[in-house]
Amino acid sequence: MDQIRIEQLEVFAKHGAIPEENVLGQKFLVSAVLFTDTRKAGRNDQLDQTISYGRASKFMERYLREHTFQLIESAAEKLAEELLLMYPDSLKSVELEIRKPWAPIGLPLQYVSVRITRGWHQAYIALGSNIGDRLAYLTGAVEALGKLRECRVGRISGFIETPPYGVTDQADFLNGCMEIKTLYTPEELLDALHEIEAAAGRERIIHWGPRTLDLDVIFYDDLVYESERLSIPHTQMHKRDFVLKPLAEIAPYKRHPIFGETVAEMLDTV
């Protein structure tokens, strides 16, 4: 990925854990690497087809000057998020370093710093409902995700009616899949999905039982991830036609990072 680099932008701001730092302020040095595609701008020589380093620099200076954080970790996190939200279509990721040359630790040093890399991630979410107004629950979930600052809704499949899976003595489901871009980590995304489910009245009483709304992370980039709460890719997705059918509508060539098969190929063998 192409890079636009901004090195050691000087900012006078009021960040620090000591109260005097929040009043008197001090100098910070900010460096940013903006990962973006410069091909179109380079071929056409047009400023509006790239990320203006001047505009980005002025934004970073103003944001850090107008906000106060105790930790430069927080300053870096919030600034990176605001930059990504400022350019959601062109800025893929950002590497950000904030240096603090006058850190009050009582020892001689050049500076302390925090360096982070943050970016947009592509995730695929499966949706299901078999209680009440199923269509309203699914469309409501899509709308709720679209309202989150940290998410951008992409392609959405049609909804299909399918028989229940696991516990079969229950009503048929309405199922679909959607693509999102998100700034959330996998666990943060799971928390956001659980909040949307809870707002729809989801109760976790019977495993694979009836539910107003079920939201599952199927893919997250090409990540292979497992925790006590979450497995990515979803461990059962390759066995479920009610996931693969709608997913194949929007991402037929998305490849499973473990099995190596595309969604279309998995659907053919389910």
C-alpha atoms as a PDB file:
ATOM      1  CA  MET A   1       0.000   0.000   0.000  1.00  0.00           C
ATOM      2  CA  ASP A   2       1.247   3.501  -0.855  1.00  0.00           C
ATOM      3  CA  GLN A   3       2.214   5.841   1.964  1.00  0.00           C
ATOM      4  CA  ILE A   4       1.936   9.545   2.700  1.00  0.00           C
ATOM      5  CA  ARG A   5       4.312  10.416   5.534  1.00  0.00           C
ATOM      6  CA  ILE A   6       4.163  13.355   7.938  1.00  0.00           C
ATOM      7  CA  GLU A   7       7.239  13.511  10.159  1.00  0.00           C
ATOM      8  CA  GLN A   8       7.525  15.189  13.567  1.00  0.00           C
ATOM      9  CA  LEU A   9       4.787  17.760  13.333  1.00  0.00           C
ATOM     10  CA  GLU A  10       5.254  20.118  16.306  1.00  0.00           C
ATOM     11  CA  VAL A  11       2.156  20.591  18.443  1.00  0.00           C
ATOM     12  CA  PHE A  12       1.855  22.531  21.692  1.00  0.00           C
ATOM     13  CA  ALA A  13      -0.832  20.787  23.731  1.00  0.00           C
ATOM     14  CA  LYS A  14      -1.929  19.973  27.269  1.00  0.00           C
ATOM     15  CA  HIS A  15      -1.703  16.215  27.675  1.00  0.00           C
ATOM     16  CA  GLY A  16      -0.348  14.507  30.782  1.00  0.00           C
ATOM     17  CA  ALA A  17      -1.159  12.730  34.018  1.00  0.00           C
ATOM     18  CA  ILE A  18       0.235  15.572  36.147  1.00  0.00           C
ATOM     19  CA  PRO A  19      -2.298  18.414  36.648  1.00  0.00           C
ATOM     20  CA  GLU A  20       0.271  21.087  35.780  1.00  0.00           C
ATOM     21  CA  GLU A  21       0.719  19.515  32.342  1.00  0.00           C
ATOM     22  CA  ASN A  22      -2.965  20.062  31.628  1.00  0.00           C
ATOM     23  CA  VAL A  23      -2.605  23.757  32.498  1.00  0.00           C
ATOM     24  CA  LEU A  24       0.822  24.780  31.251  1.00  0.00           C
ATOM     25  CA  GLY A  25       1.078  22.464  28.254  1.00  0.00           C
ATOM     26  CA  GLN A  26       4.201  21.331  26.416  1.00  0.00           C
ATOM     27  CA  LYS A  27       5.572  20.389  23.012  1.00  0.00           C
ATOM     28  CA  PHE A  28       4.661  17.121  21.307  1.00  0.00           C
ATOM     29  CA  LEU A  29       6.038  15.706  18.064  1.00  0.00           C
ATOM     30  CA  VAL A  30       3.578  13.809  15.877  1.00  0.00           C
ATOM     31  CA  SER A  31       4.479  11.523  12.980  1.00  0.00           C
ATOM     32  CA  ALA A  32       1.933   9.787  10.794  1.00  0.00           C
ATOM     33  CA  VAL A  33       2.084   7.287   7.965  1.00  0.00           C
ATOM     34  CA  LEU A  34      -1.141   7.359   5.950  1.00  0.00           C
ATOM     35  CA  PHE A  35      -1.698   4.141   4.004  1.00  0.00           C
ATOM     36  CA  THR A  36      -3.701   4.935   0.886  1.00  0.00           C
ATOM     37  CA  ASP A  37      -3.776   4.359  -2.864  1.00  0.00           C
ATOM     38  CA  THR A  38      -2.018   7.264  -4.574  1.00  0.00           C
ATOM     39  CA  ARG A  39      -2.172   5.766  -8.087  1.00  0.00           C
ATOM     40  CA  LYS A  40      -5.088   7.835  -9.392  1.00  0.00           C
ATOM     41  CA  ALA A  41      -3.755  11.109  -8.011  1.00  0.00           C
ATOM     42  CA  GLY A  42      -0.282  10.332  -9.292  1.00  0.00           C
ATOM     43  CA  ARG A  43      -1.513   9.659 -12.820  1.00  0.00           C
ATOM     44  CA  ASN A  44      -3.872  12.642 -12.953  1.00  0.00           C
ATOM     45  CA  ASP A  45      -1.900  15.136 -10.830  1.00  0.00           C
ATOM     46  CA  GLN A  46      -5.085  16.151  -8.976  1.00  0.00           C
ATOM     47  CA  LEU A  47      -5.043  17.101  -5.267  1.00  0.00           C
ATOM     48  CA  ASP A  48      -8.690  16.127  -4.754  1.00  0.00           C
ATOM     49  CA  GLN A  49      -7.822  12.517  -5.667  1.00  0.00           C
ATOM     50  CA  THR A  50      -5.459  12.035  -2.748  1.00  0.00           C
ATOM     51  CA  ILE A  51      -5.223  12.792   0.976  1.00  0.00           C
ATOM     52  CA  SER A  52      -3.884  16.309   1.428  1.00  0.00           C
ATOM     53  CA  TYR A  53      -0.966  16.181   3.845  1.00  0.00           C
ATOM     54  CA  GLY A  54      -1.548  19.859   4.568  1.00  0.00           C
ATOM     55  CA  ARG A  55      -5.154  19.299   5.585  1.00  0.00           C
ATOM     56  CA  ALA A  56      -4.241  16.199   7.595  1.00  0.00           C
ATOM     57  CA  SER A  57      -1.443  18.048   9.400  1.00  0.00           C
ATOM     58  CA  LYS A  58      -3.680  20.971  10.314  1.00  0.00           C
ATOM     59  CA  PHE A  59      -6.356  18.583  11.542  1.00  0.00           C
ATOM     60  CA  MET A  60      -3.898  16.695  13.767  1.00  0.00           C
ATOM     61  CA  GLU A  61      -2.492  19.918  15.223  1.00  0.00           C
ATOM     62  CA  ARG A  62      -5.939  21.345  15.944  1.00  0.00           C
ATOM     63  CA  TYR A  63      -7.315  18.107  17.404  1.00  0.00           C
ATOM     64  CA  LEU A  64      -4.430  17.634  19.825  1.00  0.00           C
ATOM     65  CA  ARG A  65      -4.458  21.306  20.791  1.00  0.00           C
ATOM     66  CA  GLU A  66      -8.210  21.420  21.433  1.00  0.00           C
ATOM     67  CA  HIS A  67      -8.465  18.146  23.391  1.00  0.00           C
ATOM     68  CA  THR A  68      -6.792  17.110  26.640  1.00  0.00           C
ATOM     69  CA  PHE A  69      -5.812  13.562  27.595  1.00  0.00           C
ATOM     70  CA  GLN A  70      -3.960  12.225  30.604  1.00  0.00           C
ATOM     71  CA  LEU A  71      -2.204   9.573  28.510  1.00  0.00           C
ATOM     72  CA  ILE A  72      -0.507   9.945  25.158  1.00  0.00           C
ATOM     73  CA  GLU A  73      -1.865   6.441  24.541  1.00  0.00           C
ATOM     74  CA  SER A  74      -5.354   7.961  24.594  1.00  0.00           C
ATOM     75  CA  ALA A  75      -4.288  10.921  22.468  1.00  0.00           C
ATOM     76  CA  ALA A  76      -2.862   8.555  19.839  1.00  0.00           C
ATOM     77  CA  GLU A  77      -5.906   6.238  19.910  1.00  0.00           C
ATOM     78  CA  LYS A  78      -8.447   9.028  19.529  1.00  0.00           C
ATOM     79  CA  LEU A  79      -6.457  10.887  16.893  1.00  0.00           C
ATOM     80  CA  ALA A  80      -5.987   7.743  14.793  1.00  0.00           C
ATOM     81  CA  GLU A  81      -9.723   7.034  14.960  1.00  0.00           C
ATOM     82  CA  GLU A  82     -10.635  10.579  13.932  1.00  0.00           C
ATOM     83  CA  LEU A  83      -8.243  10.457  10.973  1.00  0.00           C
ATOM     84  CA  LEU A  84      -9.743   7.173   9.766  1.00  0.00           C
ATOM     85  CA  LEU A  85     -13.265   8.556  10.130  1.00  0.00           C
ATOM     86  CA  MET A  86     -12.220  11.705   8.283  1.00  0.00           C
ATOM     87  CA  TYR A  87     -11.173   9.650   5.237  1.00  0.00           C
ATOM     88  CA  PRO A  88     -13.292   6.465   5.439  1.00  0.00           C
ATOM     89  CA  ASP A  89     -13.045   5.673   1.725  1.00  0.00           C
ATOM     90  CA  SER A  90      -9.406   6.501   1.018  1.00  0.00           C
ATOM     91  CA  LEU A  91      -7.434   5.994   4.239  1.00  0.00           C
ATOM     92  CA  LYS A  92      -7.005   2.254   4.780  1.00  0.00           C
ATOM     93  CA  SER A  93      -4.864   2.441   7.904  1.00  0.00           C
ATOM     94  CA  VAL A  94      -2.635   4.851   9.798  1.00  0.00           C
ATOM     95  CA  GLU A  95       0.561   4.435  11.769  1.00  0.00           C
ATOM     96  CA  LEU A  96       0.784   7.174  14.356  1.00  0.00           C
ATOM     97  CA  GLU A  97       3.566   8.118  16.773  1.00  0.00           C
ATOM     98  CA  ILE A  98       3.308  10.825  19.432  1.00  0.00           C
ATOM     99  CA  ARG A  99       6.588  11.853  21.050  1.00  0.00           C
ATOM    100  CA  LYS A 100       6.812  13.683  24.347  1.00  0.00           C
ATOM    101  CA  PRO A 101      10.273  15.266  24.596  1.00  0.00           C
ATOM    102  CA  TRP A 102       9.656  17.060  27.903  1.00  0.00           C
ATOM    103  CA  ALA A 103       8.273  14.108  29.853  1.00  0.00           C
ATOM    104  CA  PRO A 104       8.488  15.043  33.575  1.00  0.00           C
ATOM    105  CA  ILE A 105      10.127  11.922  34.989  1.00  0.00           C
ATOM    106  CA  GLY A 106      13.157  13.543  36.636  1.00  0.00           C
ATOM    107  CA  LEU A 107      15.683  11.763  34.404  1.00  0.00           C
ATOM    108  CA  PRO A 108      17.513  12.859  31.260  1.00  0.00           C
ATOM    109  CA  LEU A 109      16.015  11.428  28.059  1.00  0.00           C
ATOM    110  CA  GLN A 110      15.374  12.475  24.485  1.00  0.00           C
ATOM    111  CA  TYR A 111      11.686  11.658  24.507  1.00  0.00           C
ATOM    112  CA  VAL A 112       9.064   9.059  25.355  1.00  0.00           C
ATOM    113  CA  SER A 113       6.572   8.017  22.701  1.00  0.00           C
ATOM    114  CA  VAL A 114       3.629   5.851  21.802  1.00  0.00           C
ATOM    115  CA  ARG A 115       3.340   4.326  18.338  1.00  0.00           C
ATOM    116  CA  ILE A 116       0.182   2.568  17.141  1.00  0.00           C
ATOM    117  CA  THR A 117      -1.246   1.247  13.890  1.00  0.00           C
ATOM    118  CA  ARG A 118      -5.000   1.330  13.347  1.00  0.00           C
ATOM    119  CA  GLY A 119      -7.154   0.724  10.306  1.00  0.00           C
ATOM    120  CA  TRP A 120     -10.390  -0.369   8.730  1.00  0.00           C
ATOM    121  CA  HIS A 121     -11.242  -4.081   8.777  1.00  0.00           C
ATOM    122  CA  GLN A 122     -13.640  -6.001   6.546  1.00  0.00           C
ATOM    123  CA  ALA A 123     -16.072  -8.248   8.395  1.00  0.00           C
ATOM    124  CA  TYR A 124     -19.010 -10.404   7.353  1.00  0.00           C
ATOM    125  CA  ILE A 125     -21.949 -10.755   9.707  1.00  0.00           C
ATOM    126  CA  ALA A 126     -24.680 -13.422   9.595  1.00  0.00           C
ATOM    127  CA  LEU A 127     -28.163 -12.348  10.683  1.00  0.00           C
ATOM    128  CA  GLY A 128     -31.060 -14.527  11.798  1.00  0.00           C
ATOM    129  CA  SER A 129     -34.462 -14.248  13.471  1.00  0.00           C
ATOM    130  CA  ASN A 130     -37.372 -16.598  14.130  1.00  0.00           C
ATOM    131  CA  ILE A 131     -39.493 -14.731  16.680  1.00  0.00           C
ATOM    132  CA  GLY A 132     -41.990 -11.927  16.014  1.00  0.00           C
ATOM    133  CA  ASP A 133     -41.499  -9.586  13.078  1.00  0.00           C
ATOM    134  CA  ARG A 134     -38.389 -11.275  11.712  1.00  0.00           C
ATOM    135  CA  LEU A 135     -37.874  -8.850   8.839  1.00  0.00           C
ATOM    136  CA  ALA A 136     -38.098  -5.852  11.183  1.00  0.00           C
ATOM    137  CA  TYR A 137     -35.502  -7.350  13.507  1.00  0.00           C
ATOM    138  CA  LEU A 138     -33.061  -7.989  10.653  1.00  0.00           C
ATOM    139  CA  THR A 139     -33.494  -4.601   9.004  1.00  0.00           C
ATOM    140  CA  GLY A 140     -33.269  -2.979  12.424  1.00  0.00           C
ATOM    141  CA  ALA A 141     -29.937  -4.699  13.025  1.00  0.00           C
ATOM    142  CA  VAL A 142     -28.594  -3.413   9.698  1.00  0.00           C
ATOM    143  CA  GLU A 143     -29.698   0.109  10.605  1.00  0.00           C
ATOM    144  CA  ALA A 144     -28.193  -0.148  14.097  1.00  0.00           C
ATOM    145  CA  LEU A 145     -24.817  -1.200  12.728  1.00  0.00           C
ATOM    146  CA  GLY A 146     -24.940   1.629  10.214  1.00  0.00           C
ATOM    147  CA  LYS A 147     -25.414   4.161  13.017  1.00  0.00           C
ATOM    148  CA  LEU A 148     -22.219   3.155  14.807  1.00  0.00           C
ATOM    149  CA  ARG A 149     -19.326   5.576  14.206  1.00  0.00           C
ATOM    150  CA  GLU A 150     -16.926   2.658  14.035  1.00  0.00           C
ATOM    151  CA  CYS A 151     -18.803   0.790  11.279  1.00  0.00           C
ATOM    152  CA  ARG A 152     -19.691   1.319   7.637  1.00  0.00           C
ATOM    153  CA  VAL A 153     -22.305  -0.978   6.091  1.00  0.00           C
ATOM    154  CA  GLY A 154     -21.430  -2.439   2.704  1.00  0.00           C
ATOM    155  CA  ARG A 155     -23.238  -5.107   0.714  1.00  0.00           C
ATOM    156  CA  ILE A 156     -26.349  -6.760   2.150  1.00  0.00           C
ATOM    157  CA  SER A 157     -27.776 -10.054   0.926  1.00  0.00           C
ATOM    158  CA  GLY A 158     -31.402 -10.846   0.386  1.00  0.00           C
ATOM    159  CA  PHE A 159     -33.172 -12.613   3.253  1.00  0.00           C
ATOM    160  CA  ILE A 160     -34.088 -16.282   2.948  1.00  0.00           C
ATOM    161  CA  GLU A 161     -36.404 -18.477   5.013  1.00  0.00           C
ATOM    162  CA  THR A 162     -34.735 -21.601   6.387  1.00  0.00           C
ATOM    163  CA  PRO A 163     -35.653 -24.429   8.760  1.00  0.00           C
ATOM    164  CA  PRO A 164     -34.178 -24.306  12.289  1.00  0.00           C
ATOM    165  CA  TYR A 165     -30.723 -25.731  12.941  1.00  0.00           C
ATOM    166  CA  GLY A 166     -29.778 -27.767  16.021  1.00  0.00           C
ATOM    167  CA  VAL A 167     -33.019 -27.497  17.994  1.00  0.00           C
ATOM    168  CA  THR A 168     -35.585 -28.267  15.292  1.00  0.00           C
ATOM    169  CA  ASP A 169     -38.780 -27.870  17.356  1.00  0.00           C
ATOM    170  CA  GLN A 170     -39.157 -24.141  16.652  1.00  0.00           C
ATOM    171  CA  ALA A 171     -40.278 -21.733  13.955  1.00  0.00           C
ATOM    172  CA  ASP A 172     -38.432 -21.195  10.685  1.00  0.00           C
ATOM    173  CA  PHE A 173     -35.735 -18.541  10.513  1.00  0.00           C
ATOM    174  CA  LEU A 174     -35.221 -15.564   8.282  1.00  0.00           C
ATOM    175  CA  ASN A 175     -31.501 -15.367   7.505  1.00  0.00           C
ATOM    176  CA  GLY A 176     -29.122 -13.065   5.687  1.00  0.00           C
ATOM    177  CA  CYS A 177     -25.569 -11.784   5.589  1.00  0.00           C
ATOM    178  CA  MET A 178     -23.970  -8.363   5.412  1.00  0.00           C
ATOM    179  CA  GLU A 179     -20.547  -6.871   4.816  1.00  0.00           C
ATOM    180  CA  ILE A 180     -19.188  -4.103   7.007  1.00  0.00           C
ATOM    181  CA  LYS A 181     -16.029  -2.064   7.403  1.00  0.00           C
ATOM    182  CA  THR A 182     -15.169  -1.538  11.031  1.00  0.00           C
ATOM    183  CA  LEU A 183     -12.599   0.043  13.314  1.00  0.00           C
ATOM    184  CA  TYR A 184     -13.529  -2.391  16.074  1.00  0.00           C
ATOM    185  CA  THR A 185     -11.319  -5.255  17.160  1.00  0.00           C
ATOM    186  CA  PRO A 186     -13.041  -8.671  16.926  1.00  0.00           C
ATOM    187  CA  GLU A 187     -13.981  -8.634  20.615  1.00  0.00           C
ATOM    188  CA  GLU A 188     -15.232  -5.056  20.422  1.00  0.00           C
ATOM    189  CA  LEU A 189     -17.318  -5.969  17.381  1.00  0.00           C
ATOM    190  CA  LEU A 190     -18.792  -8.924  19.283  1.00  0.00           C
ATOM    191  CA  ASP A 191     -19.738  -6.603  22.157  1.00  0.00           C
ATOM    192  CA  ALA A 192     -21.439  -4.219  19.729  1.00  0.00           C
ATOM    193  CA  LEU A 193     -23.398  -7.094  18.151  1.00  0.00           C
ATOM    194  CA  HIS A 194     -24.486  -8.330  21.574  1.00  0.00           C
ATOM    195  CA  GLU A 195     -25.741  -4.843  22.455  1.00  0.00           C
ATOM    196  CA  ILE A 196     -27.818  -4.747  19.264  1.00  0.00           C
ATOM    197  CA  GLU A 197     -29.201  -8.221  20.039  1.00  0.00           C
ATOM    198  CA  ALA A 198     -30.085  -7.164  23.589  1.00  0.00           C
ATOM    199  CA  ALA A 199     -31.866  -4.059  22.301  1.00  0.00           C
ATOM    200  CA  ALA A 200     -33.956  -6.393  20.113  1.00  0.00           C
ATOM    201  CA  GLY A 201     -34.950  -8.452  23.165  1.00  0.00           C
ATOM    202  CA  ARG A 202     -32.567 -11.350  22.576  1.00  0.00           C
ATOM    203  CA  GLU A 203     -32.488 -13.804  25.500  1.00  0.00           C
ATOM    204  CA  ARG A 204     -29.816 -16.518  25.703  1.00  0.00           C
ATOM    205  CA  ILE A 205     -31.833 -19.265  27.366  1.00  0.00           C
ATOM    206  CA  ILE A 206     -31.622 -22.298  25.052  1.00  0.00           C
ATOM    207  CA  HIS A 207     -28.530 -22.971  22.932  1.00  0.00           C
ATOM    208  CA  TRP A 208     -29.623 -22.854  19.266  1.00  0.00           C
ATOM    209  CA  GLY A 209     -33.102 -22.008  20.548  1.00  0.00           C
ATOM    210  CA  PRO A 210     -35.620 -19.390  19.347  1.00  0.00           C
ATOM    211  CA  ARG A 211     -34.354 -15.819  19.181  1.00  0.00           C
ATOM    212  CA  THR A 212     -35.538 -12.409  18.110  1.00  0.00           C
ATOM    213  CA  LEU A 213     -32.137 -11.630  16.650  1.00  0.00           C
ATOM    214  CA  ASP A 214     -28.924 -13.546  16.141  1.00  0.00           C
ATOM    215  CA  LEU A 215     -25.775 -11.823  14.873  1.00  0.00           C
ATOM    216  CA  ASP A 216     -22.588 -13.805  14.242  1.00  0.00           C
ATOM    217  CA  VAL A 217     -19.152 -12.748  13.022  1.00  0.00           C
ATOM    218  CA  ILE A 218     -18.353 -15.061  10.094  1.00  0.00           C
ATOM    219  CA  PHE A 219     -15.139 -13.514   8.732  1.00  0.00           C
ATOM    220  CA  TYR A 220     -12.915 -10.667   9.917  1.00  0.00           C
ATOM    221  CA  ASP A 221     -10.341  -9.863   7.234  1.00  0.00           C
ATOM    222  CA  ASP A 222      -8.417 -13.130   6.827  1.00  0.00           C
ATOM    223  CA  LEU A 223      -8.006 -13.502  10.567  1.00  0.00           C
ATOM    224  CA  VAL A 224      -7.890 -16.836  12.361  1.00  0.00           C
ATOM    225  CA  TYR A 225      -8.780 -16.091  15.963  1.00  0.00           C
ATOM    226  CA  GLU A 226     -10.097 -17.915  18.998  1.00  0.00           C
ATOM    227  CA  SER A 227     -11.007 -16.804  22.503  1.00  0.00           C
ATOM    228  CA  GLU A 228     -13.411 -18.029  25.149  1.00  0.00           C
ATOM    229  CA  ARG A 229     -16.188 -15.987  23.533  1.00  0.00           C
ATOM    230  CA  LEU A 230     -15.386 -15.917  19.854  1.00  0.00           C
ATOM    231  CA  SER A 231     -14.015 -18.029  17.006  1.00  0.00           C
ATOM    232  CA  ILE A 232     -13.143 -16.517  13.625  1.00  0.00           C
ATOM    233  CA  PRO A 233     -13.884 -17.810  11.052  1.00  0.00           C
ATOM    234  CA  HIS A 234     -17.153 -19.021  12.573  1.00  0.00           C
ATOM    235  CA  THR A 235     -16.567 -22.683  13.382  1.00  0.00           C
ATOM    236  CA  GLN A 236     -19.821 -23.958  11.834  1.00  0.00           C
ATOM    237  CA  MET A 237     -20.239 -21.605   8.885  1.00  0.00           C
ATOM    238  CA  HIS A 238     -18.955 -24.077   6.269  1.00  0.00           C
ATOM    239  CA  LYS A 239     -21.682 -26.546   7.326  1.00  0.00           C
ATOM    240  CA  ARG A 240     -24.600 -24.105   7.225  1.00  0.00           C
ATOM    241  CA  ASP A 241     -26.343 -23.392   3.955  1.00  0.00           C
ATOM    242  CA  PHE A 242     -28.399 -20.679   5.670  1.00  0.00           C
ATOM    243  CA  VAL A 243     -25.111 -18.804   6.107  1.00  0.00           C
ATOM    244  CA  LEU A 244     -23.439 -19.790   2.841  1.00  0.00           C
ATOM    245  CA  LYS A 245     -26.392 -19.013   0.553  1.00  0.00           C
ATOM    246  CA  PRO A 246     -26.796 -15.349   1.510  1.00  0.00           C
ATOM    247  CA  LEU A 247     -23.026 -14.951   1.938  1.00  0.00           C
ATOM    248  CA  ALA A 248     -22.495 -16.250  -1.600  1.00  0.00           C
ATOM    249  CA  GLU A 249     -24.722 -13.420  -2.879  1.00  0.00           C
ATOM    250  CA  ILE A 250     -22.332 -10.748  -1.626  1.00  0.00           C
ATOM    251  CA  ALA A 251     -18.938 -12.506  -1.363  1.00  0.00           C
ATOM    252  CA  PRO A 252     -18.838 -15.675  -3.506  1.00  0.00           C
ATOM    253  CA  TYR A 253     -15.062 -15.499  -3.907  1.00  0.00           C
ATOM    254  CA  LYS A 254     -14.185 -14.762  -0.295  1.00  0.00           C
ATOM    255  CA  ARG A 255     -11.761 -17.517   0.676  1.00  0.00           C
ATOM    256  CA  HIS A 256     -11.840 -19.370   3.981  1.00  0.00           C
ATOM    257  CA  PRO A 257      -8.456 -18.646   5.642  1.00  0.00           C
ATOM    258  CA  ILE A 258      -8.156 -22.207   7.008  1.00  0.00           C
ATOM    259  CA  PHE A 259      -9.774 -24.462   4.391  1.00  0.00           C
ATOM    260  CA  GLY A 260      -8.704 -22.380   1.400  1.00  0.00           C
ATOM    261  CA  GLU A 261     -12.102 -22.759  -0.313  1.00  0.00           C
ATOM    262  CA  THR A 262     -14.243 -19.893  -1.534  1.00  0.00           C
ATOM    263  CA  VAL A 263     -17.752 -19.336  -0.186  1.00  0.00           C
ATOM    264  CA  ALA A 264     -19.160 -20.515  -3.530  1.00  0.00           C
ATOM    265  CA  GLU A 265     -17.079 -23.693  -3.368  1.00  0.00           C
ATOM    266  CA  MET A 266     -18.189 -24.426   0.204  1.00  0.00           C
ATOM    267  CA  LEU A 267     -21.820 -23.882  -0.779  1.00  0.00           C
ATOM    268  CA  ASP A 268     -21.476 -26.452  -3.577  1.00  0.00           C
ATOM    269  CA  THR A 269     -20.417 -29.139  -1.114  1.00  0.00           C
ATOM    270  CA  VAL A 270     -22.662 -28.392   1.875  1.00  0.00           C
END
